[in-house]
Amino acid sequence: MDISALQNRLPAIRRWIDTTVAEHRPVARPVTSLGFARLAHYFDSETLSRAYVVEVDVVPKPPLTALGLHRFSDFEQMNAAGITYGNVYFVARARAADESLHFHELVHTLQWHNLGADRFVLAYALGHLASGGYANNPFEEIAHELEEMFVRQPRLFRVEPILSQHLERVVPPLMKLAGQ
């Protein structure tokens, strides 16, 4: 795992993310405007009020292989239904009415919020590399686990404290890989 190459490319990845979000900001809608009644039972009003969504035909992903990060080609080529950059997430237009997809992406907005942009991008990428890809990335595992609970269990729960505990457990070992 070439962590130094990843760390060297982080500024370029952040520039791409910032540019992409800025280009789409005029069409971003507050999540609260979507009319999903169940989300408020799982997320704090603060979380919901700062999140925005953009519907797109193709979910935008950074050009990681063009930046020399070939170990992320599977992520870059994945046909994603959604992706989150800070407090803005993108969903495929065909899945825009899927409340569970919005739930999943809101989990990622919390991860970004709790860690900050640079730390999130680094930790997420390290989780991808250390776990062998998207499916086993600890950031995706918790988002999928909570989404599954949202879909299958009638029991209400608050996402924020569960996610905070998860981040406290998984982020320090990942950052240790990067010497941080």
Protein backbone atom coordinates (compact mmCIF):
# COMPACT_ATOMS: atom_id res chain seq x y z
CA MET A 1 0.00 0.00 0.00
CA ASP A 2 1.64 3.27 -1.12
CA ILE A 3 0.35 5.68 1.49
CA SER A 4 2.78 8.45 0.55
CA ALA A 5 1.43 8.51 -3.03
CA LEU A 6 -2.08 8.79 -1.63
CA GLN A 7 -1.10 11.59 0.75
CA ASN A 8 0.64 13.46 -2.08
CA ARG A 9 -2.53 13.32 -4.21
CA LEU A 10 -4.91 14.47 -1.48
CA PRO A 11 -4.72 18.18 -2.45
CA ALA A 12 -5.64 17.31 -6.06
CA ILE A 13 -8.51 15.11 -4.88
CA ARG A 14 -9.78 17.91 -2.62
CA ARG A 15 -9.57 20.44 -5.48
CA TRP A 16 -11.61 18.08 -7.68
CA ILE A 17 -14.20 17.60 -4.91
CA ASP A 18 -14.43 21.33 -4.15
CA THR A 19 -14.80 22.17 -7.86
CA THR A 20 -17.45 19.48 -8.39
CA VAL A 21 -19.50 20.61 -5.39
CA ALA A 22 -19.22 24.28 -6.42
CA GLU A 23 -20.37 23.48 -9.97
CA HIS A 24 -23.46 21.67 -8.67
CA ARG A 25 -24.28 23.93 -5.72
CA PRO A 26 -26.88 25.96 -7.71
CA VAL A 27 -29.02 22.83 -8.19
CA ALA A 28 -28.42 21.32 -4.74
CA ARG A 29 -31.61 20.94 -2.73
CA PRO A 30 -31.89 20.77 1.05
CA VAL A 31 -32.59 17.20 2.13
CA THR A 32 -35.39 18.57 4.28
CA SER A 33 -37.20 19.66 1.11
CA LEU A 34 -37.54 16.08 -0.16
CA GLY A 35 -40.44 15.16 2.11
CA PHE A 36 -38.95 11.97 3.58
CA ALA A 37 -40.82 11.61 6.86
CA ARG A 38 -38.75 8.83 8.43
CA LEU A 39 -35.31 10.48 8.29
CA ALA A 40 -36.15 12.88 11.14
CA HIS A 41 -36.66 9.88 13.44
CA TYR A 42 -33.05 8.78 12.92
CA PHE A 43 -31.06 11.99 12.39
CA ASP A 44 -30.84 15.16 14.45
CA SER A 45 -32.43 18.24 12.91
CA GLU A 46 -28.96 19.82 12.70
CA THR A 47 -27.70 16.94 10.56
CA LEU A 48 -30.70 17.19 8.26
CA SER A 49 -30.59 20.97 7.98
CA ARG A 50 -26.97 21.09 6.78
CA ALA A 51 -27.29 18.30 4.16
CA TYR A 52 -27.96 18.96 0.48
CA VAL A 53 -28.63 16.59 -2.38
CA VAL A 54 -27.99 16.80 -6.11
CA GLU A 55 -29.74 14.47 -8.55
CA VAL A 56 -27.50 13.45 -11.45
CA ASP A 57 -27.53 11.03 -14.35
CA VAL A 58 -24.04 9.78 -13.46
CA VAL A 59 -22.66 10.01 -9.93
CA PRO A 60 -19.39 12.00 -10.10
CA LYS A 61 -16.25 10.32 -8.77
CA PRO A 62 -12.73 11.75 -8.65
CA PRO A 63 -10.38 10.71 -11.48
CA LEU A 64 -8.23 8.67 -9.12
CA THR A 65 -6.49 6.52 -11.71
CA ALA A 66 -5.59 9.63 -13.73
CA LEU A 67 -3.95 10.89 -10.55
CA GLY A 68 -1.86 7.71 -10.43
CA LEU A 69 -3.93 5.98 -7.74
CA HIS A 70 -4.54 2.77 -9.66
CA ARG A 71 -5.55 0.78 -6.57
CA PHE A 72 -8.79 2.79 -6.60
CA SER A 73 -9.83 1.80 -10.14
CA ASP A 74 -12.61 -0.45 -8.78
CA PHE A 75 -14.03 2.49 -6.83
CA GLU A 76 -13.74 4.83 -9.79
CA GLN A 77 -15.43 2.36 -12.16
CA MET A 78 -18.20 1.37 -9.76
CA ASN A 79 -21.73 2.21 -10.89
CA ALA A 80 -22.60 4.07 -7.70
CA ALA A 81 -26.13 5.11 -6.76
CA GLY A 82 -24.78 7.87 -4.55
CA ILE A 83 -21.66 9.60 -3.26
CA THR A 84 -21.05 12.23 -0.61
CA TYR A 85 -18.68 15.19 -0.56
CA GLY A 86 -18.95 17.11 2.68
CA ASN A 87 -22.51 18.19 3.31
CA VAL A 88 -23.53 17.64 -0.33
CA TYR A 89 -24.32 14.26 -1.74
CA PHE A 90 -25.13 13.14 -5.25
CA VAL A 91 -27.72 10.51 -6.09
CA ALA A 92 -28.50 8.85 -9.38
CA ARG A 93 -31.73 10.31 -10.72
CA ALA A 94 -33.17 6.80 -11.10
CA ARG A 95 -32.80 6.24 -7.32
CA ALA A 96 -33.70 9.74 -6.12
CA ALA A 97 -36.97 8.57 -4.51
CA ASP A 98 -35.22 5.82 -2.50
CA GLU A 99 -35.29 7.02 1.12
CA SER A 100 -32.82 4.34 2.21
CA LEU A 101 -30.24 5.67 -0.26
CA HIS A 102 -30.63 9.14 1.25
CA PHE A 103 -30.26 7.57 4.70
CA HIS A 104 -26.99 5.93 3.60
CA GLU A 105 -25.59 9.15 2.17
CA LEU A 106 -26.60 11.10 5.27
CA VAL A 107 -24.43 8.70 7.29
CA HIS A 108 -21.54 9.78 5.08
CA THR A 109 -22.34 13.48 5.60
CA LEU A 110 -21.93 12.81 9.32
CA GLN A 111 -18.62 11.06 8.76
CA TRP A 112 -17.38 14.10 6.82
CA HIS A 113 -18.73 16.46 9.46
CA ASN A 114 -17.16 14.58 12.38
CA LEU A 115 -13.75 14.12 10.77
CA GLY A 116 -13.40 17.19 8.59
CA ALA A 117 -12.74 16.98 4.87
CA ASP A 118 -9.03 16.18 4.78
CA ARG A 119 -9.17 13.61 7.55
CA PHE A 120 -12.26 11.98 6.07
CA VAL A 121 -10.76 11.66 2.58
CA LEU A 122 -7.55 10.18 3.96
CA ALA A 123 -9.28 7.81 6.39
CA TYR A 124 -11.84 6.68 3.80
CA ALA A 125 -9.08 6.00 1.26
CA LEU A 126 -7.00 4.13 3.84
CA GLY A 127 -10.08 2.10 4.79
CA HIS A 128 -10.54 1.23 1.13
CA LEU A 129 -6.93 0.12 0.76
CA ALA A 130 -6.65 -1.70 4.09
CA SER A 131 -9.88 -3.63 3.64
CA GLY A 132 -9.45 -4.59 0.01
CA GLY A 133 -12.06 -2.34 -1.54
CA TYR A 134 -15.43 -0.66 -1.26
CA ALA A 135 -17.51 -3.46 0.27
CA ASN A 136 -15.25 -3.97 3.29
CA ASN A 137 -14.32 -0.33 3.84
CA PRO A 138 -15.30 0.40 7.47
CA PHE A 139 -16.95 3.66 6.38
CA GLU A 140 -19.20 1.74 4.00
CA GLU A 141 -19.76 -1.16 6.38
CA ILE A 142 -21.31 1.10 9.04
CA ALA A 143 -23.35 3.02 6.45
CA HIS A 144 -24.72 -0.25 5.04
CA GLU A 145 -25.32 -1.71 8.50
CA LEU A 146 -27.28 1.34 9.65
CA GLU A 147 -29.15 1.51 6.35
CA GLU A 148 -30.11 -2.15 6.75
CA MET A 149 -31.41 -1.42 10.26
CA PHE A 150 -33.37 1.53 8.86
CA VAL A 151 -34.95 -0.66 6.18
CA ARG A 152 -35.62 -3.85 8.14
CA GLN A 153 -36.17 -2.94 11.78
CA PRO A 154 -39.11 -0.98 13.09
CA ARG A 155 -37.08 0.08 16.17
CA LEU A 156 -36.06 3.73 16.06
CA PHE A 157 -32.45 4.68 16.80
CA ARG A 158 -30.30 7.79 16.60
CA VAL A 159 -27.50 7.59 14.05
CA GLU A 160 -25.19 10.25 15.49
CA PRO A 161 -24.10 8.44 18.71
CA ILE A 162 -23.70 5.09 16.94
CA LEU A 163 -21.59 6.67 14.24
CA SER A 164 -19.45 8.60 16.74
CA GLN A 165 -18.59 5.38 18.56
CA HIS A 166 -17.78 3.68 15.28
CA LEU A 167 -15.46 6.49 14.18
CA GLU A 168 -13.68 6.46 17.55
CA ARG A 169 -12.99 2.77 17.03
CA VAL A 170 -11.97 2.64 13.35
CA VAL A 171 -10.29 5.96 12.55
CA PRO A 172 -7.27 5.86 14.91
CA PRO A 173 -5.86 2.59 13.49
CA LEU A 174 -6.36 3.89 9.94
CA MET A 175 -4.62 7.17 10.71
CA LYS A 176 -1.78 5.25 12.32
CA LEU A 177 -1.15 3.66 8.92
CA ALA A 178 -0.56 7.18 7.60
CA GLY A 179 1.72 8.11 10.49
CA GLN A 180 -0.88 10.45 12.00
